[in-house]
């Protein structure tokens, strides 16, 4: 029976290949770099007076494909429940970082957009985050197994810029 990785990310029979020793070292180095990034990110955002999730909200609003995201779109991007996204948007709206607007095409949907204050804050925070990423260097790039990418994996394809 041949199976593959499920949508939830769990390993299935076909995707199980024992890692090589170099794979463990690569994963450990990457996880360490990831933890360093997350720690720095929290310090950057807290120093600016916002929470890490407020920064992520601003980032997802600004980077949302096709324009202003709905609350449901943001809940998905943030990987939180709808009511948690509403609470985060409430706090961010109170801080004058975002505002809600009714969707002109669907009056039941609420869209979220950034304020000028949110735009300025996001620009400063994103610059600081890029500096952190640059300081972490290649260790911050997700590793590929020492055996090479798995057939059909996205990493096997050339990166588009």
N, C-alpha and C. Protein backbone atom coordinates (compact mmCIF):
# COMPACT_ATOMS: atom_id res chain seq x y z
N UNK A 1 0.84 -1.18 0.00
CA UNK A 1 0.00 0.00 0.00
C UNK A 1 0.89 1.24 0.00
N UNK A 2 0.70 2.10 -0.99
CA UNK A 2 1.52 3.29 -1.12
C UNK A 2 0.68 4.51 -0.74
N UNK A 3 1.16 5.29 0.24
CA UNK A 3 0.46 6.49 0.68
C UNK A 3 1.46 7.63 0.70
N UNK A 4 0.96 8.82 0.99
CA UNK A 4 1.85 9.98 1.04
C UNK A 4 1.44 10.89 2.18
N UNK A 5 2.07 12.05 2.25
CA UNK A 5 1.79 13.00 3.31
C UNK A 5 0.37 13.51 3.18
N UNK A 6 -0.36 13.50 4.30
CA UNK A 6 -1.74 13.97 4.28
C UNK A 6 -1.78 15.49 4.33
N UNK A 7 -2.95 16.06 4.08
CA UNK A 7 -3.12 17.51 4.11
C UNK A 7 -2.81 18.08 5.49
N UNK A 8 -3.03 17.30 6.53
CA UNK A 8 -2.75 17.78 7.89
C UNK A 8 -1.28 17.79 8.21
N UNK A 9 -0.46 17.22 7.33
CA UNK A 9 0.97 17.22 7.55
C UNK A 9 1.49 15.98 8.23
N UNK A 10 0.60 15.04 8.55
CA UNK A 10 1.07 13.82 9.21
C UNK A 10 1.80 12.95 8.20
N UNK A 11 2.76 12.20 8.71
CA UNK A 11 3.54 11.33 7.83
C UNK A 11 2.75 10.06 7.56
N UNK A 12 2.82 9.61 6.36
CA UNK A 12 2.19 8.36 5.99
C UNK A 12 3.25 7.43 5.43
N UNK A 13 2.86 6.25 5.12
CA UNK A 13 3.81 5.19 4.79
C UNK A 13 4.82 5.56 3.69
N UNK A 14 4.39 6.15 2.59
CA UNK A 14 5.31 6.42 1.48
C UNK A 14 6.32 7.52 1.80
N UNK A 15 5.98 8.43 2.72
CA UNK A 15 6.88 9.55 2.99
C UNK A 15 7.91 9.21 4.07
N UNK A 16 7.83 8.08 4.69
CA UNK A 16 8.76 7.71 5.77
C UNK A 16 10.05 7.17 5.20
N UNK A 17 11.06 7.98 5.26
CA UNK A 17 12.42 7.54 4.95
C UNK A 17 13.25 7.90 6.15
N UNK A 18 14.03 6.99 6.66
CA UNK A 18 14.81 7.34 7.85
C UNK A 18 15.76 8.50 7.55
N UNK A 19 15.77 9.50 8.42
CA UNK A 19 16.69 10.62 8.22
C UNK A 19 18.14 10.16 8.36
N UNK A 20 19.00 10.84 7.65
CA UNK A 20 20.43 10.61 7.80
C UNK A 20 20.95 11.47 8.95
N UNK A 21 22.13 11.16 9.45
CA UNK A 21 22.70 11.95 10.55
C UNK A 21 22.79 13.43 10.18
N UNK A 22 23.16 13.71 8.93
CA UNK A 22 23.26 15.11 8.49
C UNK A 22 21.90 15.80 8.52
N UNK A 23 20.83 15.04 8.33
CA UNK A 23 19.49 15.62 8.38
C UNK A 23 19.16 16.13 9.78
N UNK A 24 19.54 15.36 10.80
CA UNK A 24 19.28 15.78 12.17
C UNK A 24 20.02 17.09 12.48
N UNK A 25 21.26 17.16 12.06
CA UNK A 25 22.06 18.36 12.30
C UNK A 25 21.45 19.55 11.55
N UNK A 26 21.01 19.34 10.32
CA UNK A 26 20.42 20.43 9.54
C UNK A 26 19.11 20.90 10.15
N UNK A 27 18.27 19.96 10.58
CA UNK A 27 17.01 20.34 11.22
C UNK A 27 17.25 21.07 12.53
N UNK A 28 18.20 20.59 13.31
CA UNK A 28 18.50 21.24 14.59
C UNK A 28 19.01 22.66 14.37
N UNK A 29 19.89 22.85 13.40
CA UNK A 29 20.42 24.19 13.11
C UNK A 29 19.30 25.12 12.65
N UNK A 30 18.41 24.60 11.82
CA UNK A 30 17.31 25.42 11.33
C UNK A 30 16.33 25.78 12.45
N UNK A 31 15.99 24.80 13.31
CA UNK A 31 15.09 25.07 14.42
C UNK A 31 15.71 26.09 15.38
N UNK A 32 17.01 26.02 15.57
CA UNK A 32 17.70 26.99 16.42
C UNK A 32 17.59 28.39 15.79
N UNK A 33 17.84 28.49 14.51
CA UNK A 33 17.72 29.78 13.82
C UNK A 33 16.28 30.29 13.88
N UNK A 34 15.32 29.39 13.71
CA UNK A 34 13.91 29.77 13.77
C UNK A 34 13.57 30.30 15.17
N UNK A 35 14.03 29.64 16.21
CA UNK A 35 13.77 30.10 17.57
C UNK A 35 14.44 31.45 17.83
N UNK A 36 15.65 31.64 17.30
CA UNK A 36 16.32 32.93 17.44
C UNK A 36 15.52 34.03 16.73
N UNK A 37 15.01 33.72 15.55
CA UNK A 37 14.20 34.69 14.82
C UNK A 37 12.93 35.04 15.61
N UNK A 38 12.23 34.03 16.10
CA UNK A 38 10.99 34.28 16.83
C UNK A 38 11.24 35.08 18.11
N UNK A 39 12.34 34.79 18.78
CA UNK A 39 12.69 35.54 19.98
C UNK A 39 13.00 37.00 19.64
N UNK A 40 13.76 37.21 18.58
CA UNK A 40 14.08 38.58 18.14
C UNK A 40 12.81 39.30 17.69
N UNK A 41 11.94 38.58 16.98
CA UNK A 41 10.69 39.18 16.50
C UNK A 41 9.84 39.66 17.66
N UNK A 42 9.75 38.85 18.70
CA UNK A 42 8.97 39.26 19.86
C UNK A 42 9.57 40.51 20.51
N UNK A 43 10.88 40.56 20.62
CA UNK A 43 11.54 41.74 21.21
C UNK A 43 11.32 42.97 20.34
N UNK A 44 11.42 42.81 19.04
CA UNK A 44 11.22 43.94 18.11
C UNK A 44 9.82 44.51 18.26
N UNK A 45 8.82 43.62 18.24
CA UNK A 45 7.44 44.09 18.30
C UNK A 45 7.10 44.69 19.66
N UNK A 46 7.53 44.04 20.71
CA UNK A 46 7.22 44.55 22.07
C UNK A 46 7.88 45.91 22.30
N UNK A 47 9.10 46.09 21.80
CA UNK A 47 9.77 47.38 21.93
C UNK A 47 8.99 48.48 21.21
N UNK A 48 8.32 48.11 20.12
CA UNK A 48 7.52 49.08 19.36
C UNK A 48 6.14 49.29 19.98
N UNK A 49 5.82 48.54 21.03
CA UNK A 49 4.55 48.74 21.71
C UNK A 49 3.38 47.93 21.19
N UNK A 50 3.67 46.92 20.38
CA UNK A 50 2.60 46.04 19.88
C UNK A 50 2.97 44.60 20.19
N UNK A 51 1.99 43.73 20.08
CA UNK A 51 2.23 42.32 20.31
C UNK A 51 2.73 41.67 19.01
N UNK A 52 3.38 40.52 19.12
CA UNK A 52 3.78 39.82 17.90
C UNK A 52 2.59 39.50 16.98
N UNK A 53 1.44 39.19 17.57
CA UNK A 53 0.28 38.88 16.72
C UNK A 53 -0.26 40.13 16.04
N UNK A 54 -0.13 41.30 16.68
CA UNK A 54 -0.55 42.53 16.00
C UNK A 54 0.36 42.80 14.81
N UNK A 55 1.66 42.54 14.97
CA UNK A 55 2.57 42.69 13.83
C UNK A 55 2.17 41.73 12.71
N UNK A 56 1.90 40.49 13.06
CA UNK A 56 1.50 39.52 12.04
C UNK A 56 0.21 39.94 11.35
N UNK A 57 -0.73 40.48 12.12
CA UNK A 57 -1.97 40.97 11.53
C UNK A 57 -1.67 42.05 10.49
N UNK A 58 -0.84 43.03 10.86
CA UNK A 58 -0.49 44.10 9.92
C UNK A 58 0.18 43.53 8.67
N UNK A 59 1.07 42.60 8.88
CA UNK A 59 1.78 41.98 7.76
C UNK A 59 0.82 41.26 6.83
N UNK A 60 -0.14 40.53 7.40
CA UNK A 60 -1.10 39.80 6.58
C UNK A 60 -2.09 40.73 5.89
N UNK A 61 -2.45 41.83 6.52
CA UNK A 61 -3.33 42.80 5.85
C UNK A 61 -2.59 43.40 4.66
N UNK A 62 -1.36 43.85 4.88
CA UNK A 62 -0.58 44.49 3.81
C UNK A 62 -0.25 43.53 2.68
N UNK A 63 0.08 42.29 3.03
CA UNK A 63 0.52 41.33 2.02
C UNK A 63 -0.58 40.46 1.45
N UNK A 64 -1.83 40.76 1.77
CA UNK A 64 -2.91 39.89 1.30
C UNK A 64 -3.10 40.04 -0.21
N UNK A 65 -3.09 38.93 -0.93
CA UNK A 65 -3.25 39.00 -2.40
C UNK A 65 -4.64 39.53 -2.78
N UNK A 66 -4.65 40.47 -3.66
CA UNK A 66 -5.92 40.96 -4.19
C UNK A 66 -6.58 42.05 -3.38
N UNK A 67 -5.91 42.59 -2.39
CA UNK A 67 -6.50 43.72 -1.67
C UNK A 67 -6.83 43.43 -0.23
N UNK A 68 -7.90 44.07 0.25
CA UNK A 68 -8.26 44.01 1.66
C UNK A 68 -8.83 42.65 2.04
N UNK A 69 -8.26 42.04 3.08
CA UNK A 69 -8.76 40.74 3.52
C UNK A 69 -9.99 40.88 4.42
N UNK A 70 -10.77 39.82 4.47
CA UNK A 70 -11.88 39.76 5.41
C UNK A 70 -11.36 39.23 6.75
N UNK A 71 -12.20 39.30 7.75
CA UNK A 71 -11.81 38.75 9.05
C UNK A 71 -11.55 37.26 8.92
N UNK A 72 -12.38 36.56 8.16
CA UNK A 72 -12.17 35.12 7.95
C UNK A 72 -10.84 34.84 7.26
N UNK A 73 -10.46 35.67 6.29
CA UNK A 73 -9.16 35.52 5.62
C UNK A 73 -8.02 35.65 6.63
N UNK A 74 -8.14 36.64 7.50
CA UNK A 74 -7.09 36.88 8.49
C UNK A 74 -7.03 35.77 9.53
N UNK A 75 -8.18 35.26 9.92
CA UNK A 75 -8.20 34.14 10.87
C UNK A 75 -7.45 32.95 10.28
N UNK A 76 -7.63 32.71 9.01
CA UNK A 76 -6.93 31.60 8.33
C UNK A 76 -5.43 31.86 8.30
N UNK A 77 -5.04 33.06 7.91
CA UNK A 77 -3.61 33.38 7.83
C UNK A 77 -2.94 33.30 9.19
N UNK A 78 -3.64 33.76 10.22
CA UNK A 78 -3.10 33.75 11.57
C UNK A 78 -3.22 32.37 12.24
N UNK A 79 -4.00 31.49 11.61
CA UNK A 79 -4.26 30.16 12.15
C UNK A 79 -4.90 30.23 13.53
N UNK A 80 -5.94 31.08 13.63
CA UNK A 80 -6.71 31.23 14.86
C UNK A 80 -8.19 31.11 14.52
N UNK A 81 -9.00 30.96 15.54
CA UNK A 81 -10.45 30.93 15.34
C UNK A 81 -10.96 32.34 15.02
N UNK A 82 -12.12 32.38 14.37
CA UNK A 82 -12.70 33.65 13.95
C UNK A 82 -12.80 34.62 15.12
N UNK A 83 -13.31 34.16 16.25
CA UNK A 83 -13.50 35.07 17.39
C UNK A 83 -12.18 35.58 17.94
N UNK A 84 -11.11 34.80 17.83
CA UNK A 84 -9.80 35.28 18.26
C UNK A 84 -9.30 36.38 17.33
N UNK A 85 -9.55 36.20 16.02
CA UNK A 85 -9.17 37.24 15.06
C UNK A 85 -9.96 38.52 15.33
N UNK A 86 -11.23 38.39 15.65
CA UNK A 86 -12.05 39.57 15.96
C UNK A 86 -11.47 40.32 17.16
N UNK A 87 -11.07 39.59 18.20
CA UNK A 87 -10.48 40.23 19.38
C UNK A 87 -9.18 40.95 19.04
N UNK A 88 -8.34 40.32 18.22
CA UNK A 88 -7.08 40.94 17.80
C UNK A 88 -7.36 42.19 16.97
N UNK A 89 -8.32 42.12 16.08
CA UNK A 89 -8.68 43.28 15.26
C UNK A 89 -9.26 44.38 16.13
N UNK A 90 -10.07 44.01 17.13
CA UNK A 90 -10.60 45.01 18.08
C UNK A 90 -9.46 45.77 18.75
N UNK A 91 -8.47 45.03 19.28
CA UNK A 91 -7.34 45.67 19.96
C UNK A 91 -6.52 46.53 19.00
N UNK A 92 -6.35 46.04 17.78
CA UNK A 92 -5.57 46.78 16.79
C UNK A 92 -6.32 48.01 16.29
N UNK A 93 -7.62 47.91 16.22
CA UNK A 93 -8.43 49.07 15.82
C UNK A 93 -8.40 50.13 16.94
N UNK A 94 -8.45 49.69 18.18
CA UNK A 94 -8.38 50.61 19.31
C UNK A 94 -7.03 51.34 19.32
N UNK A 95 -5.97 50.65 18.89
CA UNK A 95 -4.63 51.25 18.80
C UNK A 95 -4.46 52.07 17.51
N UNK A 96 -5.51 52.17 16.72
CA UNK A 96 -5.52 52.93 15.45
C UNK A 96 -4.54 52.37 14.41
N UNK A 97 -4.38 51.04 14.41
CA UNK A 97 -3.50 50.39 13.44
C UNK A 97 -4.28 49.90 12.22
N UNK A 98 -5.53 49.51 12.42
CA UNK A 98 -6.39 49.02 11.34
C UNK A 98 -7.78 49.61 11.52
N UNK A 99 -8.59 49.44 10.47
CA UNK A 99 -10.00 49.80 10.56
C UNK A 99 -10.80 48.78 9.76
N UNK A 100 -12.05 48.66 10.14
CA UNK A 100 -12.97 47.75 9.44
C UNK A 100 -13.79 48.55 8.43
N UNK A 101 -14.13 47.88 7.33
CA UNK A 101 -15.01 48.45 6.31
C UNK A 101 -15.94 47.34 5.84
N UNK A 102 -17.16 47.69 5.55
CA UNK A 102 -18.08 46.73 4.95
C UNK A 102 -17.65 46.47 3.51
N UNK A 103 -17.74 45.23 3.10
CA UNK A 103 -17.44 44.86 1.72
C UNK A 103 -18.53 45.44 0.84
N UNK A 104 -18.18 46.30 -0.13
CA UNK A 104 -19.22 46.90 -0.98
C UNK A 104 -19.95 45.87 -1.84
N UNK A 105 -19.32 44.72 -2.08
CA UNK A 105 -19.94 43.69 -2.90
C UNK A 105 -20.75 42.69 -2.09
N UNK A 106 -20.53 42.65 -0.77
CA UNK A 106 -21.23 41.72 0.10
C UNK A 106 -21.32 42.36 1.48
N UNK A 107 -22.43 42.97 1.76
CA UNK A 107 -22.62 43.73 2.99
C UNK A 107 -22.47 42.90 4.27
N UNK A 108 -22.49 41.58 4.15
CA UNK A 108 -22.32 40.73 5.34
C UNK A 108 -20.85 40.56 5.71
N UNK A 109 -19.96 40.79 4.74
CA UNK A 109 -18.52 40.62 5.00
C UNK A 109 -17.90 41.92 5.50
N UNK A 110 -16.98 41.77 6.42
CA UNK A 110 -16.23 42.91 6.93
C UNK A 110 -14.79 42.78 6.47
N UNK A 111 -14.28 43.83 5.86
CA UNK A 111 -12.91 43.85 5.38
C UNK A 111 -12.05 44.65 6.35
N UNK A 112 -10.78 44.35 6.37
CA UNK A 112 -9.86 45.04 7.27
C UNK A 112 -8.81 45.74 6.43
N UNK A 113 -8.53 46.99 6.78
CA UNK A 113 -7.49 47.75 6.09
C UNK A 113 -6.64 48.48 7.12
N UNK A 114 -5.42 48.79 6.72
CA UNK A 114 -4.51 49.48 7.62
C UNK A 114 -4.74 50.98 7.61
N UNK A 115 -4.45 51.59 8.72
CA UNK A 115 -4.45 53.04 8.82
C UNK A 115 -3.05 53.54 8.46
N UNK A 116 -2.91 54.84 8.33
CA UNK A 116 -1.58 55.40 8.05
C UNK A 116 -0.62 55.06 9.19
N UNK A 117 -1.13 55.11 10.42
CA UNK A 117 -0.29 54.75 11.58
C UNK A 117 0.16 53.29 11.47
N UNK A 118 -0.74 52.39 11.10
CA UNK A 118 -0.39 50.98 10.93
C UNK A 118 0.63 50.78 9.83
N UNK A 119 0.47 51.52 8.73
CA UNK A 119 1.42 51.43 7.60
C UNK A 119 2.83 51.83 8.04
N UNK A 120 2.93 52.95 8.76
CA UNK A 120 4.23 53.42 9.22
C UNK A 120 4.88 52.45 10.18
N UNK A 121 4.11 51.93 11.11
CA UNK A 121 4.63 50.97 12.08
C UNK A 121 5.08 49.70 11.38
N UNK A 122 4.27 49.20 10.45
CA UNK A 122 4.64 47.99 9.73
C UNK A 122 5.94 48.17 8.95
N UNK A 123 6.12 49.30 8.33
CA UNK A 123 7.36 49.55 7.57
C UNK A 123 8.58 49.45 8.48
N UNK A 124 8.49 50.06 9.67
CA UNK A 124 9.62 50.00 10.61
C UNK A 124 9.86 48.58 11.12
N UNK A 125 8.79 47.89 11.46
CA UNK A 125 8.92 46.53 11.99
C UNK A 125 9.43 45.56 10.93
N UNK A 126 8.94 45.70 9.71
CA UNK A 126 9.39 44.80 8.64
C UNK A 126 10.88 45.01 8.35
N UNK A 127 11.34 46.27 8.37
CA UNK A 127 12.76 46.53 8.16
C UNK A 127 13.60 45.86 9.24
N UNK A 128 13.16 45.96 10.49
CA UNK A 128 13.89 45.32 11.59
C UNK A 128 13.87 43.81 11.45
N UNK A 129 12.77 43.26 10.98
CA UNK A 129 12.69 41.80 10.78
C UNK A 129 13.62 41.35 9.65
N UNK A 130 13.68 42.12 8.58
CA UNK A 130 14.61 41.75 7.49
C UNK A 130 16.05 41.79 7.97
N UNK A 131 16.38 42.77 8.79
CA UNK A 131 17.74 42.84 9.34
C UNK A 131 18.04 41.60 10.19
N UNK A 132 17.06 41.15 10.95
CA UNK A 132 17.23 39.93 11.76
C UNK A 132 17.44 38.72 10.86
N UNK A 133 16.64 38.61 9.82
CA UNK A 133 16.76 37.48 8.89
C UNK A 133 18.15 37.48 8.25
N UNK A 134 18.61 38.66 7.83
CA UNK A 134 19.94 38.75 7.22
C UNK A 134 21.03 38.34 8.20
N UNK A 135 20.86 38.70 9.48
CA UNK A 135 21.88 38.34 10.47
C UNK A 135 21.92 36.84 10.74
N UNK A 136 20.80 36.16 10.53
CA UNK A 136 20.76 34.71 10.75
C UNK A 136 21.43 33.95 9.61
N UNK A 137 21.50 34.57 8.46
CA UNK A 137 22.19 33.96 7.31
C UNK A 137 21.52 32.70 6.80
N UNK A 138 22.31 31.84 6.16
CA UNK A 138 21.75 30.65 5.52
C UNK A 138 21.13 29.65 6.49
N UNK A 139 21.45 29.73 7.77
CA UNK A 139 20.86 28.80 8.74
C UNK A 139 19.34 28.97 8.81
N UNK A 140 18.84 30.13 8.40
CA UNK A 140 17.40 30.39 8.47
C UNK A 140 16.64 29.78 7.30
N UNK A 141 17.33 29.32 6.28
CA UNK A 141 16.66 28.66 5.15
C UNK A 141 16.30 27.24 5.55
N UNK A 142 15.05 26.83 5.33
CA UNK A 142 14.66 25.46 5.69
C UNK A 142 15.56 24.44 4.99
N UNK A 143 15.95 23.42 5.73
CA UNK A 143 16.87 22.44 5.15
C UNK A 143 16.16 21.47 4.21
N UNK A 144 16.95 20.89 3.33
CA UNK A 144 16.50 19.80 2.47
C UNK A 144 17.26 18.58 2.95
N UNK A 145 16.62 17.44 2.93
CA UNK A 145 17.26 16.21 3.37
C UNK A 145 18.57 15.99 2.63
N UNK A 146 19.52 15.40 3.32
CA UNK A 146 20.81 15.10 2.70
C UNK A 146 20.63 14.18 1.50
N UNK A 147 19.52 13.49 1.44
CA UNK A 147 19.20 12.63 0.29
C UNK A 147 18.65 13.44 -0.87
N UNK A 148 18.42 14.70 -0.65
CA UNK A 148 17.84 15.54 -1.69
C UNK A 148 16.35 15.69 -1.47
N UNK A 149 15.73 16.58 -2.21
CA UNK A 149 14.29 16.81 -2.03
C UNK A 149 13.50 15.56 -2.39
N UNK A 150 12.38 15.42 -1.72
CA UNK A 150 11.48 14.29 -2.02
C UNK A 150 10.85 14.52 -3.38
N UNK A 151 10.61 13.47 -4.13
CA UNK A 151 9.96 13.64 -5.43
C UNK A 151 8.62 14.35 -5.26
N UNK A 152 8.40 15.32 -6.10
CA UNK A 152 7.14 16.07 -6.07
C UNK A 152 7.10 17.18 -5.04
N UNK A 153 8.18 17.37 -4.29
CA UNK A 153 8.17 18.44 -3.29
C UNK A 153 8.36 19.78 -3.99
N UNK A 154 7.87 20.83 -3.35
CA UNK A 154 8.00 22.16 -3.93
C UNK A 154 9.45 22.61 -3.97
N UNK A 155 10.26 22.14 -3.04
CA UNK A 155 11.67 22.55 -3.00
C UNK A 155 12.45 21.99 -4.18
N UNK A 156 11.91 20.95 -4.85
CA UNK A 156 12.59 20.36 -5.98
C UNK A 156 12.51 21.28 -7.21
N UNK A 157 11.52 22.19 -7.20
CA UNK A 157 11.34 23.10 -8.32
C UNK A 157 12.18 24.35 -8.10
N UNK A 158 12.62 25.01 -9.18
CA UNK A 158 13.39 26.24 -9.00
C UNK A 158 12.52 27.32 -8.35
N UNK A 159 13.14 28.14 -7.52
CA UNK A 159 12.41 29.21 -6.88
C UNK A 159 12.12 30.33 -7.86
N UNK A 160 10.92 30.87 -7.76
CA UNK A 160 10.54 32.01 -8.61
C UNK A 160 10.67 33.28 -7.79
N UNK A 161 11.12 34.32 -8.39
CA UNK A 161 11.24 35.61 -7.69
C UNK A 161 10.34 36.62 -8.32
